[in-house]
Amino acid sequence: MLIRSTSGNGRKFYDRRPQDSKGHAFGFTLTELLIVILIIFGLTTLLVPAVRSALDKAKQTTCVNNLKQLGTAFQLHSEAHDDRFPQAVNQTTSNWVHMVAARYAVAGKPPAWLGWSPGSQGGPGICNPTLLCPSDSKLPNGANVQSSFGANLNLNDSSLRVNTVANPTKTILIIDVADDRPVYLDESDSSKVADRHKKGADIVFVDGHTGWRNKNDIPPEFWQPFP
């Protein structure tokens, strides 16, 4: 049954919506449905950036926590080695990742679980998640252990002790690195610093605290144990 109605301008039209047993129409008209769709679209447009921002923040929090764990592993190494930083024998096969992460089982994983050559302990592409930043878009691959973080090359000095660093609160220990993933870097490698987090990098300093800096605004003295 059609219900005849009168619009505001006096013109008559028929309401074609479904009706209940008493002849009352229910449901949405096409206009009402379009309005609802537009409202949902508007809310989605507002919510998506907020959700994306929350996800990015969560990833950065995980990145910072990973750096803190690696900083703790460095501290454990120095306590066991006469207050010295880990020294690289070979930057590819015997670097801070091997000496620190492999020795001190970061993130509760056994020391062996770092991802080595094919056919050994999981094969290529397997890596302790503590060595990675969740925002790092380039996944590990190949035979060597890889990390989203690089250590300060200026601390790779056998004569240097942790307690002799002039300003440990402003000396970089480990920092976010870009896709080519250098194991070590210094002030001359600013292009290799990552900008995954709001155009900047997460950092753990020699004293163990973490921070963030824009990749283009890292003072040269942050790399030097003796500014």
N, C-alpha and C. Protein backbone atom coordinates (compact mmCIF):
# COMPACT_ATOMS: atom_id res chain seq x y z
N MET A 1 0.84 -1.18 0.00
CA MET A 1 0.00 0.00 0.00
C MET A 1 0.88 1.24 0.00
N LEU A 2 0.54 2.23 -0.78
CA LEU A 2 1.27 3.48 -0.84
C LEU A 2 0.63 4.49 0.09
N ILE A 3 1.45 5.25 0.78
CA ILE A 3 0.95 6.30 1.66
C ILE A 3 1.13 7.63 0.96
N ARG A 4 0.02 8.35 0.85
CA ARG A 4 0.10 9.63 0.20
C ARG A 4 0.43 10.70 1.23
N SER A 5 1.48 11.49 0.97
CA SER A 5 1.90 12.54 1.89
C SER A 5 1.94 13.86 1.15
N THR A 6 2.01 14.91 1.93
CA THR A 6 2.08 16.25 1.36
C THR A 6 3.37 16.92 1.78
N SER A 7 4.13 17.43 0.83
CA SER A 7 5.40 18.09 1.13
C SER A 7 5.15 19.50 1.63
N GLY A 8 6.21 20.20 2.04
CA GLY A 8 6.08 21.55 2.58
C GLY A 8 5.53 22.54 1.59
N ASN A 9 5.72 22.31 0.29
CA ASN A 9 5.22 23.26 -0.71
C ASN A 9 3.82 22.89 -1.19
N GLY A 10 3.19 21.94 -0.50
CA GLY A 10 1.82 21.58 -0.85
C GLY A 10 1.70 20.50 -1.90
N ARG A 11 2.82 20.08 -2.48
CA ARG A 11 2.76 19.05 -3.52
C ARG A 11 2.62 17.69 -2.86
N LYS A 12 1.87 16.82 -3.49
CA LYS A 12 1.62 15.49 -2.95
C LYS A 12 2.59 14.49 -3.56
N PHE A 13 3.02 13.53 -2.74
CA PHE A 13 3.85 12.46 -3.24
C PHE A 13 3.50 11.19 -2.49
N TYR A 14 3.93 10.06 -3.02
CA TYR A 14 3.66 8.77 -2.38
C TYR A 14 4.92 8.23 -1.72
N ASP A 15 4.79 7.86 -0.45
CA ASP A 15 5.89 7.29 0.30
C ASP A 15 5.95 5.80 0.01
N ARG A 16 7.00 5.35 -0.61
CA ARG A 16 7.11 3.97 -1.03
C ARG A 16 7.87 3.10 -0.01
N ARG A 17 8.12 3.61 1.19
CA ARG A 17 8.81 2.81 2.19
C ARG A 17 7.91 1.68 2.68
N PRO A 18 8.52 0.59 3.20
CA PRO A 18 7.71 -0.50 3.76
C PRO A 18 6.84 0.02 4.89
N GLN A 19 5.71 -0.67 5.14
CA GLN A 19 4.77 -0.22 6.15
C GLN A 19 4.50 -1.36 7.14
N ASP A 20 4.19 -0.98 8.37
CA ASP A 20 3.84 -1.98 9.37
C ASP A 20 2.35 -2.30 9.25
N SER A 21 1.83 -3.09 10.19
CA SER A 21 0.43 -3.55 10.10
C SER A 21 -0.57 -2.41 10.25
N LYS A 22 -0.12 -1.30 10.80
CA LYS A 22 -1.02 -0.16 10.97
C LYS A 22 -0.88 0.85 9.84
N GLY A 23 -0.07 0.52 8.85
CA GLY A 23 0.08 1.42 7.72
C GLY A 23 1.10 2.50 7.91
N HIS A 24 1.91 2.40 9.00
CA HIS A 24 2.95 3.39 9.24
C HIS A 24 4.21 3.00 8.49
N ALA A 25 4.79 3.95 7.77
CA ALA A 25 6.00 3.68 7.01
C ALA A 25 7.21 3.62 7.94
N PHE A 26 8.15 2.76 7.61
CA PHE A 26 9.39 2.69 8.39
C PHE A 26 10.56 2.47 7.43
N GLY A 27 11.80 2.62 7.98
CA GLY A 27 12.98 2.50 7.13
C GLY A 27 13.46 3.87 6.67
N PHE A 28 14.47 3.88 5.80
CA PHE A 28 15.07 5.12 5.32
C PHE A 28 14.59 5.45 3.91
N THR A 29 14.44 6.72 3.68
CA THR A 29 14.25 7.16 2.29
C THR A 29 15.63 7.22 1.65
N LEU A 30 15.70 7.35 0.35
CA LEU A 30 16.98 7.44 -0.35
C LEU A 30 17.78 8.63 0.14
N THR A 31 17.11 9.76 0.35
CA THR A 31 17.81 10.96 0.83
C THR A 31 18.41 10.73 2.20
N GLU A 32 17.63 10.11 3.09
CA GLU A 32 18.13 9.84 4.44
C GLU A 32 19.33 8.89 4.39
N LEU A 33 19.24 7.89 3.53
CA LEU A 33 20.34 6.93 3.40
C LEU A 33 21.61 7.61 2.92
N LEU A 34 21.48 8.52 1.94
CA LEU A 34 22.64 9.25 1.44
C LEU A 34 23.26 10.12 2.53
N ILE A 35 22.43 10.73 3.36
CA ILE A 35 22.93 11.56 4.45
C ILE A 35 23.73 10.71 5.44
N VAL A 36 23.20 9.52 5.76
CA VAL A 36 23.92 8.62 6.67
C VAL A 36 25.27 8.23 6.09
N ILE A 37 25.30 7.91 4.79
CA ILE A 37 26.55 7.52 4.14
C ILE A 37 27.56 8.66 4.19
N LEU A 38 27.09 9.88 3.95
CA LEU A 38 27.98 11.04 3.99
C LEU A 38 28.54 11.26 5.39
N ILE A 39 27.71 11.05 6.41
CA ILE A 39 28.18 11.21 7.80
C ILE A 39 29.25 10.17 8.12
N ILE A 40 29.01 8.91 7.71
CA ILE A 40 29.99 7.85 7.95
C ILE A 40 31.30 8.15 7.23
N PHE A 41 31.19 8.64 6.00
CA PHE A 41 32.39 8.99 5.23
C PHE A 41 33.17 10.09 5.93
N GLY A 42 32.46 11.10 6.43
CA GLY A 42 33.12 12.20 7.12
C GLY A 42 33.83 11.74 8.38
N LEU A 43 33.17 10.87 9.15
CA LEU A 43 33.79 10.35 10.37
C LEU A 43 35.03 9.52 10.05
N THR A 44 34.93 8.72 8.99
CA THR A 44 36.08 7.89 8.58
C THR A 44 37.26 8.77 8.20
N THR A 45 36.97 9.86 7.47
CA THR A 45 38.04 10.78 7.06
C THR A 45 38.75 11.38 8.27
N LEU A 46 37.98 11.61 9.35
CA LEU A 46 38.57 12.17 10.56
C LEU A 46 39.33 11.13 11.37
N LEU A 47 38.83 9.89 11.38
CA LEU A 47 39.39 8.86 12.24
C LEU A 47 40.65 8.21 11.68
N VAL A 48 40.72 8.04 10.36
CA VAL A 48 41.85 7.32 9.76
C VAL A 48 43.20 7.95 10.13
N PRO A 49 43.37 9.28 10.00
CA PRO A 49 44.66 9.87 10.40
C PRO A 49 44.97 9.64 11.88
N ALA A 50 43.94 9.70 12.72
CA ALA A 50 44.17 9.50 14.16
C ALA A 50 44.61 8.07 14.45
N VAL A 51 43.99 7.10 13.76
CA VAL A 51 44.37 5.70 13.94
C VAL A 51 45.79 5.46 13.43
N ARG A 52 46.10 6.05 12.27
CA ARG A 52 47.45 5.89 11.71
C ARG A 52 48.50 6.49 12.65
N SER A 53 48.17 7.65 13.23
CA SER A 53 49.10 8.30 14.15
C SER A 53 49.31 7.43 15.40
N ALA A 54 48.22 6.82 15.89
CA ALA A 54 48.32 5.96 17.07
C ALA A 54 49.18 4.73 16.77
N LEU A 55 49.02 4.16 15.58
CA LEU A 55 49.82 2.99 15.20
C LEU A 55 51.30 3.36 15.08
N ASP A 56 51.57 4.53 14.48
CA ASP A 56 52.96 4.98 14.34
C ASP A 56 53.59 5.20 15.72
N LYS A 57 52.81 5.75 16.64
CA LYS A 57 53.31 5.99 17.99
C LYS A 57 53.61 4.68 18.69
N ALA A 58 52.73 3.68 18.49
CA ALA A 58 52.95 2.37 19.10
C ALA A 58 54.23 1.72 18.57
N LYS A 59 54.46 1.86 17.25
CA LYS A 59 55.68 1.31 16.67
C LYS A 59 56.92 2.01 17.22
N GLN A 60 56.82 3.33 17.38
CA GLN A 60 57.97 4.06 17.92
C GLN A 60 58.25 3.65 19.36
N THR A 61 57.20 3.40 20.12
CA THR A 61 57.37 2.95 21.51
C THR A 61 58.11 1.62 21.55
N THR A 62 57.75 0.71 20.63
CA THR A 62 58.45 -0.58 20.55
C THR A 62 59.91 -0.37 20.16
N CYS A 63 60.13 0.53 19.22
CA CYS A 63 61.50 0.84 18.79
C CYS A 63 62.33 1.33 19.97
N VAL A 64 61.78 2.23 20.77
CA VAL A 64 62.49 2.77 21.94
C VAL A 64 62.77 1.67 22.94
N ASN A 65 61.79 0.79 23.17
CA ASN A 65 61.99 -0.31 24.11
C ASN A 65 63.11 -1.24 23.63
N ASN A 66 63.15 -1.49 22.32
CA ASN A 66 64.23 -2.33 21.77
C ASN A 66 65.59 -1.69 22.00
N LEU A 67 65.67 -0.37 21.77
CA LEU A 67 66.93 0.33 22.00
C LEU A 67 67.35 0.27 23.47
N LYS A 68 66.38 0.37 24.36
CA LYS A 68 66.69 0.30 25.79
C LYS A 68 67.27 -1.07 26.14
N GLN A 69 66.69 -2.13 25.55
CA GLN A 69 67.21 -3.47 25.82
C GLN A 69 68.62 -3.63 25.27
N LEU A 70 68.87 -3.10 24.09
CA LEU A 70 70.21 -3.18 23.53
C LEU A 70 71.20 -2.36 24.36
N GLY A 71 70.75 -1.20 24.85
CA GLY A 71 71.59 -0.40 25.72
C GLY A 71 71.95 -1.15 27.00
N THR A 72 70.99 -1.89 27.54
CA THR A 72 71.25 -2.71 28.72
C THR A 72 72.26 -3.81 28.41
N ALA A 73 72.13 -4.41 27.21
CA ALA A 73 73.08 -5.44 26.80
C ALA A 73 74.50 -4.87 26.69
N PHE A 74 74.62 -3.63 26.18
CA PHE A 74 75.93 -2.97 26.13
C PHE A 74 76.48 -2.79 27.54
N GLN A 75 75.61 -2.40 28.46
CA GLN A 75 76.04 -2.18 29.84
C GLN A 75 76.53 -3.48 30.46
N LEU A 76 75.82 -4.57 30.24
CA LEU A 76 76.24 -5.87 30.76
C LEU A 76 77.59 -6.27 30.18
N HIS A 77 77.78 -5.98 28.89
CA HIS A 77 79.06 -6.29 28.26
C HIS A 77 80.19 -5.50 28.92
N SER A 78 79.97 -4.21 29.14
CA SER A 78 81.03 -3.37 29.72
C SER A 78 81.36 -3.81 31.15
N GLU A 79 80.35 -4.22 31.89
CA GLU A 79 80.59 -4.67 33.27
C GLU A 79 81.43 -5.94 33.30
N ALA A 80 81.28 -6.75 32.26
CA ALA A 80 82.03 -8.01 32.20
C ALA A 80 83.38 -7.85 31.50
N HIS A 81 83.66 -6.65 30.94
CA HIS A 81 84.90 -6.45 30.18
C HIS A 81 85.63 -5.18 30.61
N ASP A 82 85.79 -5.04 31.91
CA ASP A 82 86.62 -3.96 32.45
C ASP A 82 86.16 -2.59 31.99
N ASP A 83 84.82 -2.40 31.97
CA ASP A 83 84.21 -1.10 31.65
C ASP A 83 84.50 -0.64 30.22
N ARG A 84 84.66 -1.60 29.31
CA ARG A 84 84.96 -1.25 27.92
C ARG A 84 83.77 -1.56 27.00
N PHE A 85 83.67 -0.76 25.95
CA PHE A 85 82.65 -1.01 24.94
C PHE A 85 83.06 -2.22 24.10
N PRO A 86 82.07 -2.92 23.51
CA PRO A 86 82.43 -4.04 22.63
C PRO A 86 83.21 -3.56 21.42
N GLN A 87 84.26 -4.26 21.08
CA GLN A 87 85.14 -3.86 19.97
C GLN A 87 84.94 -4.80 18.78
N ALA A 88 84.82 -4.22 17.60
CA ALA A 88 84.61 -5.03 16.40
C ALA A 88 85.94 -5.54 15.88
N VAL A 89 86.02 -6.87 15.76
CA VAL A 89 87.18 -7.47 15.10
C VAL A 89 87.02 -7.32 13.60
N ASN A 90 85.79 -7.58 13.14
CA ASN A 90 85.44 -7.40 11.73
C ASN A 90 84.02 -6.87 11.71
N GLN A 91 83.78 -5.74 11.03
CA GLN A 91 82.48 -5.09 11.11
C GLN A 91 81.36 -5.89 10.46
N THR A 92 81.70 -6.91 9.69
CA THR A 92 80.68 -7.73 9.04
C THR A 92 80.36 -8.98 9.84
N THR A 93 81.40 -9.66 10.32
CA THR A 93 81.18 -10.96 10.97
C THR A 93 81.45 -10.97 12.46
N SER A 94 82.02 -9.91 12.99
CA SER A 94 82.28 -9.84 14.43
C SER A 94 82.13 -8.40 14.89
N ASN A 95 80.88 -7.96 14.98
CA ASN A 95 80.59 -6.59 15.36
C ASN A 95 79.76 -6.57 16.64
N TRP A 96 79.21 -5.40 16.98
CA TRP A 96 78.48 -5.28 18.24
C TRP A 96 77.27 -6.19 18.30
N VAL A 97 76.65 -6.47 17.15
CA VAL A 97 75.48 -7.36 17.15
C VAL A 97 75.89 -8.74 17.64
N HIS A 98 76.99 -9.26 17.12
CA HIS A 98 77.45 -10.58 17.52
C HIS A 98 77.92 -10.60 18.97
N MET A 99 78.67 -9.58 19.36
CA MET A 99 79.28 -9.58 20.69
C MET A 99 78.30 -9.22 21.80
N VAL A 100 77.29 -8.43 21.49
CA VAL A 100 76.35 -7.99 22.53
C VAL A 100 75.06 -8.79 22.47
N ALA A 101 74.37 -8.73 21.33
CA ALA A 101 73.08 -9.42 21.23
C ALA A 101 73.23 -10.93 21.37
N ALA A 102 74.27 -11.49 20.74
CA ALA A 102 74.46 -12.94 20.80
C ALA A 102 74.86 -13.40 22.19
N ARG A 103 75.56 -12.56 22.92
CA ARG A 103 76.05 -12.96 24.24
C ARG A 103 75.00 -12.78 25.33
N TYR A 104 74.18 -11.74 25.20
CA TYR A 104 73.30 -11.41 26.32
C TYR A 104 71.81 -11.65 26.04
N ALA A 105 71.50 -12.41 25.00
CA ALA A 105 70.14 -12.92 24.79
C ALA A 105 69.08 -11.85 24.95
N VAL A 106 69.12 -10.83 24.10
CA VAL A 106 68.15 -9.74 24.21
C VAL A 106 66.73 -10.25 24.00
N ALA A 107 65.79 -9.60 24.65
CA ALA A 107 64.35 -9.92 24.54
C ALA A 107 64.03 -11.33 25.00
N GLY A 108 64.88 -11.90 25.88
CA GLY A 108 64.58 -13.21 26.41
C GLY A 108 64.80 -14.35 25.43
N LYS A 109 65.32 -14.03 24.23
CA LYS A 109 65.57 -15.07 23.24
C LYS A 109 66.93 -15.70 23.52
N PRO A 110 67.10 -16.99 23.23
CA PRO A 110 68.41 -17.61 23.42
C PRO A 110 69.46 -16.93 22.55
N PRO A 111 70.71 -16.87 22.98
CA PRO A 111 71.75 -16.18 22.22
C PRO A 111 71.87 -16.62 20.78
N ALA A 112 71.56 -17.90 20.51
CA ALA A 112 71.74 -18.40 19.14
C ALA A 112 70.69 -17.84 18.18
N TRP A 113 69.57 -17.37 18.70
CA TRP A 113 68.47 -17.00 17.82
C TRP A 113 68.64 -15.59 17.29
N LEU A 114 69.49 -15.45 16.30
CA LEU A 114 69.72 -14.13 15.71
C LEU A 114 69.58 -14.16 14.19
N GLY A 115 69.65 -15.33 13.59
CA GLY A 115 69.51 -15.43 12.15
C GLY A 115 70.85 -15.41 11.45
N TRP A 116 71.36 -16.57 11.08
CA TRP A 116 72.67 -16.62 10.47
C TRP A 116 72.57 -17.03 9.01
N SER A 117 73.48 -17.88 8.58
CA SER A 117 73.53 -18.27 7.17
C SER A 117 72.48 -19.33 6.86
N PRO A 118 72.15 -19.53 5.58
CA PRO A 118 71.15 -20.54 5.21
C PRO A 118 71.50 -21.91 5.79
N GLY A 119 70.47 -22.58 6.29
CA GLY A 119 70.67 -23.91 6.84
C GLY A 119 71.13 -23.91 8.28
N SER A 120 71.25 -22.73 8.88
CA SER A 120 71.71 -22.63 10.26
C SER A 120 70.78 -21.74 11.06
N GLN A 121 70.18 -22.31 12.11
CA GLN A 121 69.36 -21.55 13.05
C GLN A 121 68.30 -20.70 12.38
N GLY A 122 67.54 -21.27 11.48
CA GLY A 122 66.40 -20.57 10.91
C GLY A 122 66.61 -20.06 9.52
N GLY A 123 67.85 -19.98 9.05
CA GLY A 123 68.10 -19.53 7.69
C GLY A 123 68.06 -18.02 7.57
N PRO A 124 68.25 -17.51 6.35
CA PRO A 124 68.30 -16.07 6.13
C PRO A 124 66.95 -15.40 6.40
N GLY A 125 67.00 -14.17 6.82
CA GLY A 125 65.76 -13.42 7.05
C GLY A 125 65.19 -13.61 8.44
N ILE A 126 65.79 -14.49 9.25
CA ILE A 126 65.33 -14.69 10.62
C ILE A 126 66.19 -13.81 11.53
N CYS A 127 65.54 -12.99 12.32
CA CYS A 127 66.30 -12.04 13.12
C CYS A 127 65.58 -11.78 14.43
N ASN A 128 66.31 -11.66 15.51
CA ASN A 128 65.72 -11.30 16.79
C ASN A 128 64.98 -9.98 16.63
N PRO A 129 63.69 -9.92 16.97
CA PRO A 129 62.92 -8.68 16.76
C PRO A 129 63.45 -7.49 17.54
N THR A 130 64.24 -7.73 18.58
CA THR A 130 64.81 -6.61 19.33
C THR A 130 65.81 -5.84 18.49
N LEU A 131 66.36 -6.48 17.47
CA LEU A 131 67.32 -5.81 16.60
C LEU A 131 66.64 -4.98 15.51
N LEU A 132 65.31 -4.99 15.49
CA LEU A 132 64.59 -4.33 14.42
C LEU A 132 63.65 -3.26 14.95
N CYS A 133 63.45 -2.23 14.15
CA CYS A 133 62.43 -1.22 14.42
C CYS A 133 61.16 -1.63 13.67
N PRO A 134 60.00 -1.67 14.32
CA PRO A 134 58.76 -2.07 13.64
C PRO A 134 58.40 -1.18 12.46
N SER A 135 58.91 0.05 12.44
CA SER A 135 58.63 0.96 11.33
C SER A 135 59.62 0.80 10.18
N ASP A 136 60.58 -0.09 10.34
CA ASP A 136 61.57 -0.33 9.29
C ASP A 136 60.90 -1.12 8.17
N SER A 137 60.79 -0.49 7.00
CA SER A 137 60.06 -1.11 5.89
C SER A 137 60.88 -2.17 5.16
N LYS A 138 62.18 -2.19 5.39
CA LYS A 138 63.04 -3.16 4.70
C LYS A 138 63.30 -4.34 5.62
N LEU A 139 62.72 -5.49 5.29
CA LEU A 139 62.87 -6.66 6.13
C LEU A 139 64.26 -7.26 5.98
N PRO A 140 64.73 -7.96 7.02
CA PRO A 140 66.05 -8.58 6.93
C PRO A 140 66.10 -9.63 5.83
N ASN A 141 67.25 -9.76 5.20
CA ASN A 141 67.43 -10.82 4.22
C ASN A 141 68.91 -11.10 4.09
N GLY A 142 69.25 -12.21 3.48
CA GLY A 142 70.66 -12.54 3.31
C GLY A 142 71.21 -13.32 4.48
N ALA A 143 72.49 -13.59 4.43
CA ALA A 143 73.10 -14.49 5.39
C ALA A 143 73.51 -13.81 6.69
N ASN A 144 73.85 -12.54 6.65
CA ASN A 144 74.39 -11.88 7.84
C ASN A 144 73.29 -11.37 8.75
N VAL A 145 73.60 -11.32 10.03
CA VAL A 145 72.68 -10.71 10.99
C VAL A 145 72.52 -9.24 10.63
N GLN A 146 71.29 -8.77 10.64
CA GLN A 146 71.04 -7.37 10.30
C GLN A 146 70.25 -6.70 11.40
N SER A 147 70.34 -5.39 11.47
CA SER A 147 69.65 -4.64 12.50
C SER A 147 69.18 -3.31 11.94
N SER A 148 68.11 -2.79 12.53
CA SER A 148 67.63 -1.46 12.17
C SER A 148 68.45 -0.37 12.86
N PHE A 149 69.42 -0.78 13.68
CA PHE A 149 70.19 0.17 14.48
C PHE A 149 71.68 0.06 14.19
N GLY A 150 72.37 1.18 14.34
CA GLY A 150 73.82 1.21 14.17
C GLY A 150 74.47 1.79 15.41
N ALA A 151 75.68 1.32 15.72
CA ALA A 151 76.41 1.80 16.88
C ALA A 151 77.35 2.95 16.50
N ASN A 152 77.67 3.76 17.48
CA ASN A 152 78.56 4.90 17.29
C ASN A 152 79.99 4.40 17.03
N LEU A 153 80.49 4.65 15.85
CA LEU A 153 81.82 4.17 15.47
C LEU A 153 82.92 4.73 16.37
N ASN A 154 82.73 5.93 16.89
CA ASN A 154 83.75 6.56 17.72
C ASN A 154 83.94 5.86 19.07
N LEU A 155 82.99 4.98 19.42
CA LEU A 155 83.13 4.22 20.67
C LEU A 155 83.83 2.89 20.44
N ASN A 156 84.11 2.57 19.18
CA ASN A 156 84.78 1.32 18.83
C ASN A 156 86.30 1.50 18.99
N ASP A 157 86.69 1.71 20.23
CA ASP A 157 88.10 2.03 20.54
C ASP A 157 88.48 1.23 21.79
N SER A 158 89.45 0.36 21.66
CA SER A 158 89.82 -0.54 22.76
C SER A 158 90.37 0.22 23.96
N SER A 159 90.88 1.43 23.75
CA SER A 159 91.43 2.19 24.88
C SER A 159 90.36 2.99 25.62
N LEU A 160 89.15 3.02 25.09
CA LEU A 160 88.07 3.84 25.66
C LEU A 160 87.28 3.05 26.70
N ARG A 161 87.05 3.67 27.84
CA ARG A 161 86.21 3.07 28.88
C ARG A 161 84.94 3.90 29.03
N VAL A 162 83.88 3.21 29.46
CA VAL A 162 82.58 3.88 29.57
C VAL A 162 82.66 5.06 30.52
N ASN A 163 83.35 4.89 31.66
CA ASN A 163 83.37 5.97 32.66
C ASN A 163 84.25 7.14 32.28
N THR A 164 84.94 7.03 31.13
CA THR A 164 85.76 8.17 30.68
C THR A 164 85.05 9.04 29.65
N VAL A 165 83.86 8.62 29.19
CA VAL A 165 83.11 9.42 28.23
C VAL A 165 82.73 10.74 28.89
N ALA A 166 83.07 11.84 28.25
CA ALA A 166 82.92 13.16 28.88
C ALA A 166 81.47 13.49 29.21
N ASN A 167 80.55 13.21 28.30
CA ASN A 167 79.15 13.56 28.52
C ASN A 167 78.27 12.39 28.08
N PRO A 168 78.12 11.38 28.93
CA PRO A 168 77.37 10.18 28.55
C PRO A 168 75.89 10.43 28.25
N THR A 169 75.34 11.53 28.78
CA THR A 169 73.93 11.82 28.52
C THR A 169 73.71 12.41 27.13
N LYS A 170 74.82 12.83 26.47
CA LYS A 170 74.70 13.42 25.14
C LYS A 170 75.64 12.75 24.13
N THR A 171 76.04 11.53 24.43
CA THR A 171 76.87 10.77 23.49
C THR A 171 76.09 9.58 22.98
N ILE A 172 75.91 9.52 21.67
CA ILE A 172 75.12 8.45 21.05
C ILE A 172 75.80 7.09 21.26
N LEU A 173 75.00 6.12 21.68
CA LEU A 173 75.48 4.74 21.77
C LEU A 173 74.99 3.95 20.55
N ILE A 174 73.65 3.93 20.36
CA ILE A 174 73.03 3.25 19.22
C ILE A 174 71.93 4.15 18.67
N ILE A 175 71.72 4.11 17.36
CA ILE A 175 70.76 5.01 16.72
C ILE A 175 70.05 4.29 15.56
N ASP A 176 68.83 4.74 15.25
CA ASP A 176 68.11 4.25 14.06
C ASP A 176 68.93 4.50 12.80
N VAL A 177 69.04 3.51 11.95
CA VAL A 177 69.76 3.72 10.69
C VAL A 177 68.85 3.44 9.49
N ALA A 178 69.25 3.96 8.34
CA ALA A 178 68.45 3.85 7.12
C ALA A 178 68.58 2.45 6.51
N ASP A 179 67.99 2.29 5.32
CA ASP A 179 67.82 0.97 4.73
C ASP A 179 69.12 0.23 4.43
N ASP A 180 70.23 0.95 4.21
CA ASP A 180 71.47 0.22 3.91
C ASP A 180 72.08 -0.37 5.18
N ARG A 181 71.53 -0.02 6.33
CA ARG A 181 71.85 -0.63 7.61
C ARG A 181 73.35 -0.71 7.93
N PRO A 182 74.01 0.42 8.07
CA PRO A 182 75.41 0.36 8.50
C PRO A 182 75.50 -0.15 9.93
N VAL A 183 76.47 -1.01 10.21
CA VAL A 183 76.64 -1.54 11.55
C VAL A 183 77.21 -0.47 12.48
N TYR A 184 78.10 0.37 11.92
CA TYR A 184 78.69 1.47 12.66
C TYR A 184 78.56 2.74 11.82
N LEU A 185 78.46 3.87 12.47
CA LEU A 185 78.44 5.15 11.77
C LEU A 185 78.89 6.25 12.72
N ASP A 186 79.27 7.39 12.14
CA ASP A 186 79.69 8.53 12.95
C ASP A 186 79.12 9.81 12.34
N GLU A 187 79.66 10.96 12.75
CA GLU A 187 79.11 12.25 12.32
C GLU A 187 79.22 12.47 10.81
N SER A 188 80.07 11.74 10.14
CA SER A 188 80.20 11.89 8.68
C SER A 188 79.15 11.09 7.92
N ASP A 189 78.35 10.32 8.65
CA ASP A 189 77.36 9.44 8.01
C ASP A 189 75.92 9.89 8.28
N SER A 190 75.69 11.19 8.33
CA SER A 190 74.35 11.69 8.67
C SER A 190 73.29 11.21 7.69
N SER A 191 73.68 10.98 6.44
CA SER A 191 72.71 10.50 5.45
C SER A 191 72.24 9.09 5.75
N LYS A 192 72.99 8.37 6.58
CA LYS A 192 72.63 6.99 6.91
C LYS A 192 71.75 6.87 8.14
N VAL A 193 71.48 8.02 8.79
CA VAL A 193 70.56 8.03 9.92
C VAL A 193 69.13 7.95 9.40
N ALA A 194 68.31 7.16 10.04
CA ALA A 194 66.93 6.97 9.58
C ALA A 194 66.05 8.16 9.95
N ASP A 195 64.94 8.29 9.23
CA ASP A 195 63.95 9.32 9.56
C ASP A 195 62.56 8.69 9.63
N ARG A 196 62.50 7.48 10.16
CA ARG A 196 61.23 6.74 10.21
C ARG A 196 60.22 7.34 11.16
N HIS A 197 60.70 8.04 12.17
CA HIS A 197 59.80 8.55 13.21
C HIS A 197 59.70 10.07 13.11
N LYS A 198 58.70 10.53 12.37
CA LYS A 198 58.47 11.97 12.23
C LYS A 198 59.74 12.69 11.76
N LYS A 199 60.37 12.11 10.75
CA LYS A 199 61.57 12.66 10.13
C LYS A 199 62.77 12.67 11.08
N GLY A 200 62.73 11.80 12.05
CA GLY A 200 63.84 11.73 12.99
C GLY A 200 64.16 10.30 13.39
N ALA A 201 65.12 10.17 14.30
CA ALA A 201 65.60 8.85 14.72
C ALA A 201 65.52 8.71 16.23
N ASP A 202 65.25 7.49 16.67
CA ASP A 202 65.33 7.18 18.10
C ASP A 202 66.78 6.86 18.43
N ILE A 203 67.19 7.21 19.65
CA ILE A 203 68.58 7.07 20.06
C ILE A 203 68.63 6.53 21.49
N VAL A 204 69.59 5.66 21.77
CA VAL A 204 69.94 5.35 23.16
C VAL A 204 71.35 5.90 23.38
N PHE A 205 71.50 6.64 24.47
CA PHE A 205 72.77 7.30 24.77
C PHE A 205 73.61 6.42 25.71
N VAL A 206 74.85 6.81 25.88
CA VAL A 206 75.79 6.01 26.66
C VAL A 206 75.30 5.78 28.09
N ASP A 207 74.60 6.75 28.67
CA ASP A 207 74.12 6.58 30.04
C ASP A 207 72.88 5.69 30.13
N GLY A 208 72.34 5.26 28.97
CA GLY A 208 71.20 4.33 28.96
C GLY A 208 69.85 4.97 28.70
N HIS A 209 69.75 6.29 28.72
CA HIS A 209 68.45 6.90 28.46
C HIS A 209 68.23 7.01 26.95
N THR A 210 66.98 7.12 26.55
CA THR A 210 66.63 7.21 25.13
C THR A 210 66.11 8.60 24.80
N GLY A 211 66.19 8.94 23.51
CA GLY A 211 65.70 10.23 23.06
C GLY A 211 65.41 10.20 21.58
N TRP A 212 64.97 11.33 21.05
CA TRP A 212 64.65 11.46 19.62
C TRP A 212 65.28 12.74 19.11
N ARG A 213 65.80 12.68 17.90
CA ARG A 213 66.33 13.88 17.24
C ARG A 213 65.97 13.85 15.77
N ASN A 214 65.67 15.03 15.22
CA ASN A 214 65.53 15.14 13.78
C ASN A 214 66.85 14.73 13.14
N LYS A 215 66.79 13.93 12.07
CA LYS A 215 68.04 13.39 11.50
C LYS A 215 68.97 14.49 10.98
N ASN A 216 68.41 15.66 10.68
CA ASN A 216 69.22 16.77 10.19
C ASN A 216 69.62 17.74 11.30
N ASP A 217 69.32 17.36 12.54
CA ASP A 217 69.59 18.27 13.66
C ASP A 217 70.31 17.52 14.79
N ILE A 218 71.24 16.65 14.41
CA ILE A 218 72.03 15.93 15.41
C ILE A 218 73.38 16.63 15.52
N PRO A 219 73.68 17.26 16.64
CA PRO A 219 74.95 18.00 16.78
C PRO A 219 76.15 17.05 16.61
N PRO A 220 77.20 17.50 15.96
CA PRO A 220 78.40 16.66 15.78
C PRO A 220 78.97 16.15 17.09
N GLU A 221 78.85 16.95 18.15
CA GLU A 221 79.43 16.54 19.43
C GLU A 221 78.70 15.34 20.04
N PHE A 222 77.47 15.04 19.55
CA PHE A 222 76.75 13.87 20.06
C PHE A 222 77.46 12.57 19.68
N TRP A 223 78.34 12.64 18.69
CA TRP A 223 79.06 11.44 18.24
C TRP A 223 80.40 11.29 18.94
N GLN A 224 80.85 12.32 19.63
CA GLN A 224 82.21 12.33 20.15
C GLN A 224 82.25 12.02 21.66
N PRO A 225 83.03 11.01 22.07
CA PRO A 225 83.15 10.74 23.51
C PRO A 225 83.90 11.84 24.24
N PHE A 226 84.73 12.61 23.49
CA PHE A 226 85.47 13.71 24.08
C PHE A 226 85.30 14.95 23.20
N PRO A 227 84.18 15.67 23.33
CA PRO A 227 83.92 16.85 22.47
C PRO A 227 85.01 17.89 22.59
